[in-house]
C-alpha atoms as a PDB file:
ATOM      1  CA  LEU A   1     -13.058 -41.798  21.901  1.00  0.00           C
ATOM      2  CA  LEU A   2      -9.270 -41.391  21.698  1.00  0.00           C
ATOM      3  CA  LEU A   3      -9.250 -43.170  18.351  1.00  0.00           C
ATOM      4  CA  GLY A   4     -11.961 -40.817  17.071  1.00  0.00           C
ATOM      5  CA  VAL A   5      -9.941 -37.753  18.130  1.00  0.00           C
ATOM      6  CA  LEU A   6      -6.764 -39.114  16.527  1.00  0.00           C
ATOM      7  CA  LEU A   7      -8.574 -39.837  13.256  1.00  0.00           C
ATOM      8  CA  TRP A   8     -10.278 -36.436  13.245  1.00  0.00           C
ATOM      9  CA  ALA A   9      -7.170 -34.373  14.162  1.00  0.00           C
ATOM     10  CA  PRO A  10      -5.422 -34.559  10.739  1.00  0.00           C
ATOM     11  CA  TRP A  11      -8.558 -33.317   8.953  1.00  0.00           C
ATOM     12  CA  TRP A  12      -8.947 -30.487  11.426  1.00  0.00           C
ATOM     13  CA  ALA A  13      -5.317 -29.460  10.857  1.00  0.00           C
ATOM     14  CA  LEU A  14      -5.773 -29.530   7.083  1.00  0.00           C
ATOM     15  CA  HIS A  15      -8.803 -27.261   7.364  1.00  0.00           C
ATOM     16  CA  GLY A  16      -6.511 -24.435   8.513  1.00  0.00           C
ATOM     17  CA  ALA A  17      -3.643 -25.262   6.176  1.00  0.00           C
ATOM     18  CA  PRO A  18      -2.445 -22.615   3.703  1.00  0.00           C
ATOM     19  CA  LEU A  19      -3.476 -22.838   0.091  1.00  0.00           C
ATOM     20  CA  THR A  20      -0.812 -24.719  -1.820  1.00  0.00           C
ATOM     21  CA  GLU A  21      -0.673 -22.253  -4.690  1.00  0.00           C
ATOM     22  CA  LEU A  22       0.171 -19.379  -2.347  1.00  0.00           C
ATOM     23  CA  SER A  23       2.318 -20.730   0.421  1.00  0.00           C
ATOM     24  CA  GLY A  24       3.501 -24.175   1.285  1.00  0.00           C
ATOM     25  CA  ASP A  25       7.011 -22.930   1.902  1.00  0.00           C
ATOM     26  CA  GLN A  26       8.635 -20.827   4.548  1.00  0.00           C
ATOM     27  CA  ASP A  27       9.967 -18.322   2.001  1.00  0.00           C
ATOM     28  CA  PHE A  28       6.472 -17.090   1.178  1.00  0.00           C
ATOM     29  CA  GLN A  29       5.562 -16.722   4.858  1.00  0.00           C
ATOM     30  CA  LEU A  30       8.854 -14.924   5.490  1.00  0.00           C
ATOM     31  CA  PHE A  31       8.110 -12.596   2.551  1.00  0.00           C
ATOM     32  CA  LEU A  32       4.688 -11.816   4.024  1.00  0.00           C
ATOM     33  CA  GLN A  33       6.015 -11.150   7.537  1.00  0.00           C
ATOM     34  CA  ARG A  34       8.822  -8.889   6.313  1.00  0.00           C
ATOM     35  CA  ASN A  35       6.544  -6.910   4.053  1.00  0.00           C
ATOM     36  CA  LEU A  36       3.845  -6.570   6.683  1.00  0.00           C
ATOM     37  CA  GLU A  37       6.503  -4.858   8.812  1.00  0.00           C
ATOM     38  CA  PHE A  38       7.646  -2.801   5.825  1.00  0.00           C
ATOM     39  CA  THR A  39       4.071  -1.704   5.081  1.00  0.00           C
ATOM     40  CA  ARG A  40       3.581  -0.793   8.740  1.00  0.00           C
ATOM     41  CA  LYS A  41       6.738   1.387   8.594  1.00  0.00           C
ATOM     42  CA  ILE A  42       5.513   3.136   5.430  1.00  0.00           C
ATOM     43  CA  ARG A  43       2.132   3.761   7.071  1.00  0.00           C
ATOM     44  CA  GLY A  44       3.922   5.343  10.039  1.00  0.00           C
ATOM     45  CA  ASP A  45       5.909   7.638   7.757  1.00  0.00           C
ATOM     46  CA  VAL A  46       2.759   8.689   5.899  1.00  0.00           C
ATOM     47  CA  ALA A  47       1.049   9.385   9.254  1.00  0.00           C
ATOM     48  CA  ALA A  48       4.049  11.542  10.268  1.00  0.00           C
ATOM     49  CA  LEU A  49       3.698  13.562   7.060  1.00  0.00           C
ATOM     50  CA  GLN A  50      -0.048  13.898   7.688  1.00  0.00           C
ATOM     51  CA  ARG A  51       0.683  15.340  11.157  1.00  0.00           C
ATOM     52  CA  VAL A  52       3.188  17.822   9.674  1.00  0.00           C
ATOM     53  CA  LEU A  53       0.679  18.880   7.022  1.00  0.00           C
ATOM     54  CA  CYS A  54      -1.970  19.291   9.727  1.00  0.00           C
ATOM     55  CA  ASP A  55       0.352  21.371  11.932  1.00  0.00           C
ATOM     56  CA  THR A  56       1.700  23.451   9.039  1.00  0.00           C
ATOM     57  CA  PHE A  57      -1.496  24.236   7.137  1.00  0.00           C
ATOM     58  CA  GLN A  58      -4.223  23.375   9.671  1.00  0.00           C
ATOM     59  CA  LEU A  59      -5.606  20.802   7.242  1.00  0.00           C
ATOM     60  CA  CYS A  60      -6.591  18.022   9.597  1.00  0.00           C
ATOM     61  CA  LYS A  61     -10.172  16.914   8.978  1.00  0.00           C
ATOM     62  CA  GLU A  62     -11.221  15.342   5.722  1.00  0.00           C
ATOM     63  CA  GLU A  63     -14.911  16.103   6.125  1.00  0.00           C
ATOM     64  CA  GLU A  64     -14.126  19.847   6.164  1.00  0.00           C
ATOM     65  CA  LEU A  65     -12.369  19.587   2.787  1.00  0.00           C
ATOM     66  CA  LEU A  66     -14.738  17.384   0.786  1.00  0.00           C
ATOM     67  CA  LEU A  67     -16.233  20.265  -1.208  1.00  0.00           C
ATOM     68  CA  VAL A  68     -12.785  21.453  -2.296  1.00  0.00           C
ATOM     69  CA  ARG A  69     -11.811  17.910  -3.228  1.00  0.00           C
ATOM     70  CA  GLN A  70     -14.432  17.870  -5.988  1.00  0.00           C
ATOM     71  CA  GLU A  71     -12.506  20.654  -7.743  1.00  0.00           C
ATOM     72  CA  LEU A  72      -9.214  18.763  -7.657  1.00  0.00           C
ATOM     73  CA  ASP A  73      -7.955  15.981  -9.879  1.00  0.00           C
ATOM     74  CA  ILE A  74      -6.271  13.699  -7.367  1.00  0.00           C
ATOM     75  CA  ALA A  75      -5.065  10.254  -8.376  1.00  0.00           C
ATOM     76  CA  GLN A  76      -6.476   7.475  -6.249  1.00  0.00           C
ATOM     77  CA  ALA A  77      -5.244   3.913  -6.543  1.00  0.00           C
ATOM     78  CA  LEU A  78      -7.862   1.261  -5.976  1.00  0.00           C
ATOM     79  CA  LEU A  79      -7.360  -2.160  -4.465  1.00  0.00           C
ATOM     80  CA  GLU A  80     -10.757  -3.722  -5.114  1.00  0.00           C
ATOM     81  CA  GLN A  81      -9.094  -7.005  -6.083  1.00  0.00           C
ATOM     82  CA  CYS A  82      -7.533  -7.214  -2.620  1.00  0.00           C
ATOM     83  CA  HIS A  83     -10.805  -7.368  -0.713  1.00  0.00           C
ATOM     84  CA  ARG A  84     -13.157  -9.272  -2.984  1.00  0.00           C
ATOM     85  CA  ARG A  85     -14.547 -12.655  -2.086  1.00  0.00           C
ATOM     86  CA  THR A  86     -12.821 -14.010  -5.194  1.00  0.00           C
ATOM     87  CA  PHE A  87      -9.409 -12.923  -3.886  1.00  0.00           C
ATOM     88  CA  GLN A  88      -6.496 -13.710  -6.189  1.00  0.00           C
ATOM     89  CA  ALA A  89      -2.948 -12.988  -5.051  1.00  0.00           C
ATOM     90  CA  GLU A  90      -1.736 -12.220  -8.582  1.00  0.00           C
ATOM     91  CA  THR A  91      -4.249  -9.433  -9.249  1.00  0.00           C
ATOM     92  CA  CYS A  92      -3.980  -8.075  -5.709  1.00  0.00           C
ATOM     93  CA  PHE A  93      -0.177  -7.923  -5.870  1.00  0.00           C
ATOM     94  CA  SER A  94      -0.408  -6.275  -9.300  1.00  0.00           C
ATOM     95  CA  GLN A  95      -2.798  -3.641  -7.958  1.00  0.00           C
ATOM     96  CA  ILE A  96      -0.555  -2.963  -4.960  1.00  0.00           C
ATOM     97  CA  ARG A  97       2.435  -2.421  -7.253  1.00  0.00           C
ATOM     98  CA  ALA A  98       0.426  -0.151  -9.589  1.00  0.00           C
ATOM     99  CA  GLY A  99      -0.817   1.875  -6.617  1.00  0.00           C
ATOM    100  CA  LEU A 100       2.676   2.258  -5.172  1.00  0.00           C
ATOM    101  CA  ARG A 101       3.773   3.623  -8.531  1.00  0.00           C
ATOM    102  CA  ILE A 102       0.932   6.180  -8.572  1.00  0.00           C
ATOM    103  CA  TYR A 103       1.642   7.399  -5.046  1.00  0.00           C
ATOM    104  CA  HIS A 104       5.398   7.434  -5.646  1.00  0.00           C
ATOM    105  CA  GLY A 105       4.820  10.113  -8.285  1.00  0.00           C
ATOM    106  CA  SER A 106       2.188  11.964  -6.244  1.00  0.00           C
ATOM    107  CA  LEU A 107       4.597  12.438  -3.353  1.00  0.00           C
ATOM    108  CA  ALA A 108       6.417  15.085  -5.405  1.00  0.00           C
ATOM    109  CA  THR A 109       3.531  17.377  -4.435  1.00  0.00           C
ATOM    110  CA  ILE A 110       4.215  16.647  -0.763  1.00  0.00           C
ATOM    111  CA  ARG A 111       7.950  17.298  -1.167  1.00  0.00           C
ATOM    112  CA  ASP A 112       7.073  20.641  -2.789  1.00  0.00           C
ATOM    113  CA  LEU A 113       4.671  21.534   0.040  1.00  0.00           C
ATOM    114  CA  LEU A 114       6.989  20.473   2.856  1.00  0.00           C
ATOM    115  CA  PRO A 115      10.542  21.198   1.667  1.00  0.00           C
ATOM    116  CA  GLY A 116      11.832  20.870   5.226  1.00  0.00           C
ATOM    117  CA  HIS A 117      10.740  17.227   5.200  1.00  0.00           C
ATOM    118  CA  ALA A 118      12.075  16.322   1.760  1.00  0.00           C
ATOM    119  CA  GLY A 119      14.333  13.714   3.377  1.00  0.00           C
ATOM    120  CA  LEU A 120      11.358  11.878   4.869  1.00  0.00           C
ATOM    121  CA  VAL A 121       9.506  12.024   1.531  1.00  0.00           C
ATOM    122  CA  GLU A 122      12.552  10.630  -0.295  1.00  0.00           C
ATOM    123  CA  THR A 123      12.941   7.847   2.294  1.00  0.00           C
ATOM    124  CA  LEU A 124       9.256   7.047   1.859  1.00  0.00           C
ATOM    125  CA  GLN A 125       9.643   6.902  -1.924  1.00  0.00           C
ATOM    126  CA  LEU A 126      12.641   4.605  -1.583  1.00  0.00           C
ATOM    127  CA  ASP A 127      10.711   2.332   0.790  1.00  0.00           C
ATOM    128  CA  MET A 128       7.788   2.237  -1.654  1.00  0.00           C
ATOM    129  CA  ALA A 129      10.108   1.299  -4.526  1.00  0.00           C
ATOM    130  CA  ASN A 130      11.651  -1.444  -2.385  1.00  0.00           C
ATOM    131  CA  LEU A 131       8.229  -2.801  -1.380  1.00  0.00           C
ATOM    132  CA  SER A 132       7.168  -2.869  -5.030  1.00  0.00           C
ATOM    133  CA  SER A 133      10.401  -4.651  -5.933  1.00  0.00           C
ATOM    134  CA  ASN A 134       9.874  -7.200  -3.131  1.00  0.00           C
ATOM    135  CA  ILE A 135       6.372  -7.936  -4.400  1.00  0.00           C
ATOM    136  CA  GLN A 136       7.579  -8.258  -7.992  1.00  0.00           C
ATOM    137  CA  GLN A 137      10.324 -10.674  -6.917  1.00  0.00           C
ATOM    138  CA  GLN A 138       7.859 -12.786  -4.927  1.00  0.00           C
ATOM    139  CA  MET A 139       5.433 -12.857  -7.857  1.00  0.00           C
ATOM    140  CA  GLU A 140       8.237 -14.074 -10.111  1.00  0.00           C
ATOM    141  CA  ASP A 141       9.214 -16.691  -7.509  1.00  0.00           C
ATOM    142  CA  LEU A 142       5.603 -17.927  -7.456  1.00  0.00           C
ATOM    143  CA  GLY A 143       5.448 -17.983 -11.253  1.00  0.00           C
ATOM    144  CA  LEU A 144       2.837 -15.202 -11.386  1.00  0.00           C
ATOM    145  CA  ALA A 145       2.651 -12.720 -14.253  1.00  0.00           C
ATOM    146  CA  THR A 146       4.347  -9.396 -13.527  1.00  0.00           C
ATOM    147  CA  VAL A 147       4.495  -5.997 -15.152  1.00  0.00           C
ATOM    148  CA  THR A 148       7.851  -4.261 -15.391  1.00  0.00           C
ATOM    149  CA  TYR A 149       7.491  -0.517 -15.091  1.00  0.00           C
ATOM    150  CA  PRO A 150       9.934   1.839 -16.779  1.00  0.00           C
ATOM    151  CA  THR A 151      12.386   3.615 -14.524  1.00  0.00           C
ATOM    152  CA  GLU A 152      10.948   6.610 -12.761  1.00  0.00           C
ATOM    153  CA  ASN A 153      11.273   9.904 -14.545  1.00  0.00           C
ATOM    154  CA  GLN A 154      10.354  13.125 -12.831  1.00  0.00           C
ATOM    155  CA  ASP A 155       6.948  14.238 -14.044  1.00  0.00           C
ATOM    156  CA  PRO A 156       6.355  17.970 -13.761  1.00  0.00           C
ATOM    157  CA  LEU A 157       4.392  18.995 -10.694  1.00  0.00           C
ATOM    158  CA  PRO A 158       0.699  19.528 -11.321  1.00  0.00           C
ATOM    159  CA  THR A 159      -0.489  23.104 -11.385  1.00  0.00           C
ATOM    160  CA  PHE A 160      -3.083  24.325  -8.921  1.00  0.00           C
ATOM    161  CA  SER A 161      -5.434  27.281  -9.182  1.00  0.00           C
ATOM    162  CA  SER A 162      -4.445  28.492  -5.707  1.00  0.00           C
ATOM    163  CA  ARG A 163      -2.033  27.761  -2.884  1.00  0.00           C
ATOM    164  CA  PHE A 164      -4.978  26.498  -0.854  1.00  0.00           C
ATOM    165  CA  HIS A 165      -5.834  23.954  -3.573  1.00  0.00           C
ATOM    166  CA  HIS A 166      -2.183  22.881  -3.562  1.00  0.00           C
ATOM    167  CA  HIS A 167      -2.342  22.355   0.222  1.00  0.00           C
ATOM    168  CA  VAL A 168      -5.629  20.451   0.022  1.00  0.00           C
ATOM    169  CA  SER A 169      -4.256  18.263  -2.769  1.00  0.00           C
ATOM    170  CA  GLY A 170      -1.395  17.310  -0.484  1.00  0.00           C
ATOM    171  CA  PHE A 171      -3.861  16.461   2.263  1.00  0.00           C
ATOM    172  CA  PHE A 172      -5.863  14.147   0.009  1.00  0.00           C
ATOM    173  CA  ILE A 173      -2.804  12.517  -1.539  1.00  0.00           C
ATOM    174  CA  LEU A 174      -1.682  11.464   1.938  1.00  0.00           C
ATOM    175  CA  ALA A 175      -5.206  10.491   3.065  1.00  0.00           C
ATOM    176  CA  ASN A 176      -5.755   8.353  -0.043  1.00  0.00           C
ATOM    177  CA  PHE A 177      -2.303   6.812   0.288  1.00  0.00           C
ATOM    178  CA  GLN A 178      -2.951   5.935   3.941  1.00  0.00           C
ATOM    179  CA  ARG A 179      -6.219   4.171   2.994  1.00  0.00           C
ATOM    180  CA  PHE A 180      -4.425   2.358   0.187  1.00  0.00           C
ATOM    181  CA  LEU A 181      -1.734   1.169   2.608  1.00  0.00           C
ATOM    182  CA  GLU A 182      -4.323  -0.020   5.118  1.00  0.00           C
ATOM    183  CA  THR A 183      -5.983  -2.162   2.455  1.00  0.00           C
ATOM    184  CA  ALA A 184      -2.623  -3.489   1.234  1.00  0.00           C
ATOM    185  CA  TYR A 185      -1.682  -4.334   4.822  1.00  0.00           C
ATOM    186  CA  ARG A 186      -4.959  -6.209   5.372  1.00  0.00           C
ATOM    187  CA  ALA A 187      -4.418  -8.146   2.124  1.00  0.00           C
ATOM    188  CA  LEU A 188      -0.907  -9.216   3.172  1.00  0.00           C
ATOM    189  CA  ARG A 189      -2.170 -10.125   6.638  1.00  0.00           C
ATOM    190  CA  HIS A 190      -4.976 -12.174   5.066  1.00  0.00           C
ATOM    191  CA  LEU A 191      -2.443 -14.096   2.979  1.00  0.00           C
ATOM    192  CA  ALA A 192      -0.294 -14.676   6.063  1.00  0.00           C
ATOM    193  CA  SER A 193      -3.284 -16.163   7.895  1.00  0.00           C
ATOM    194  CA  LEU A 194      -4.212 -18.660   5.155  1.00  0.00           C
END
C-alpha cells in the first residue's frame, strides 16, 4: 500500500502543477500576486468614487438608471477572452490593457463631475497606467505579443444633453469599470491558481 501511495503521489502533484507556458518560475507568480493586490486597490478607489457620486448626486442604484443609459454613449471594455473556456493569457492580458486605456480616458468625466476628488481620480489613473505597464512588461518577459499605445493625450470631454445625463454617465463609467476590474481580478486569480 505504501509503495502504491509513493508511486501515485508524483502524478497527483503534477495534476495541480501550473502550465509551463504561463508559470514555472517564481517571477510570474510574484507578478500575479503583486498585481492582484494592485487590482484590489484600484477596485477600492473606484468604489470610493462610486460612494462619493452616490452621496453627491443620489445616483446609487443602477436599475433606476437603465432607461437613461440607453440614451448615452458610454464606452464599455469587454473581457470575454478572460472568462472563456479557451482561456489564453495573451489575449486576456491584451484585453485588460485595452480596457484600462479606455477607462483611463473615461475618468476625465469623473474628474469633471467631482472636482473636489480630482486627486483621487489622478491617483487612480496613475495606478491604472502602472498596472497596464506591469502587464505589458510581463507579456514581454513571457515572449507574448504586445501592443504599444501612444502616450496619453487629453481628449476633449464628451458633451451631454443635460447635467443629469452627465451625472448618469459618470455613474455608468464607474459601474462598468468596477465590473471590468472584477473580471480582470478573477482572471489574474485564475492564473495564480494554475
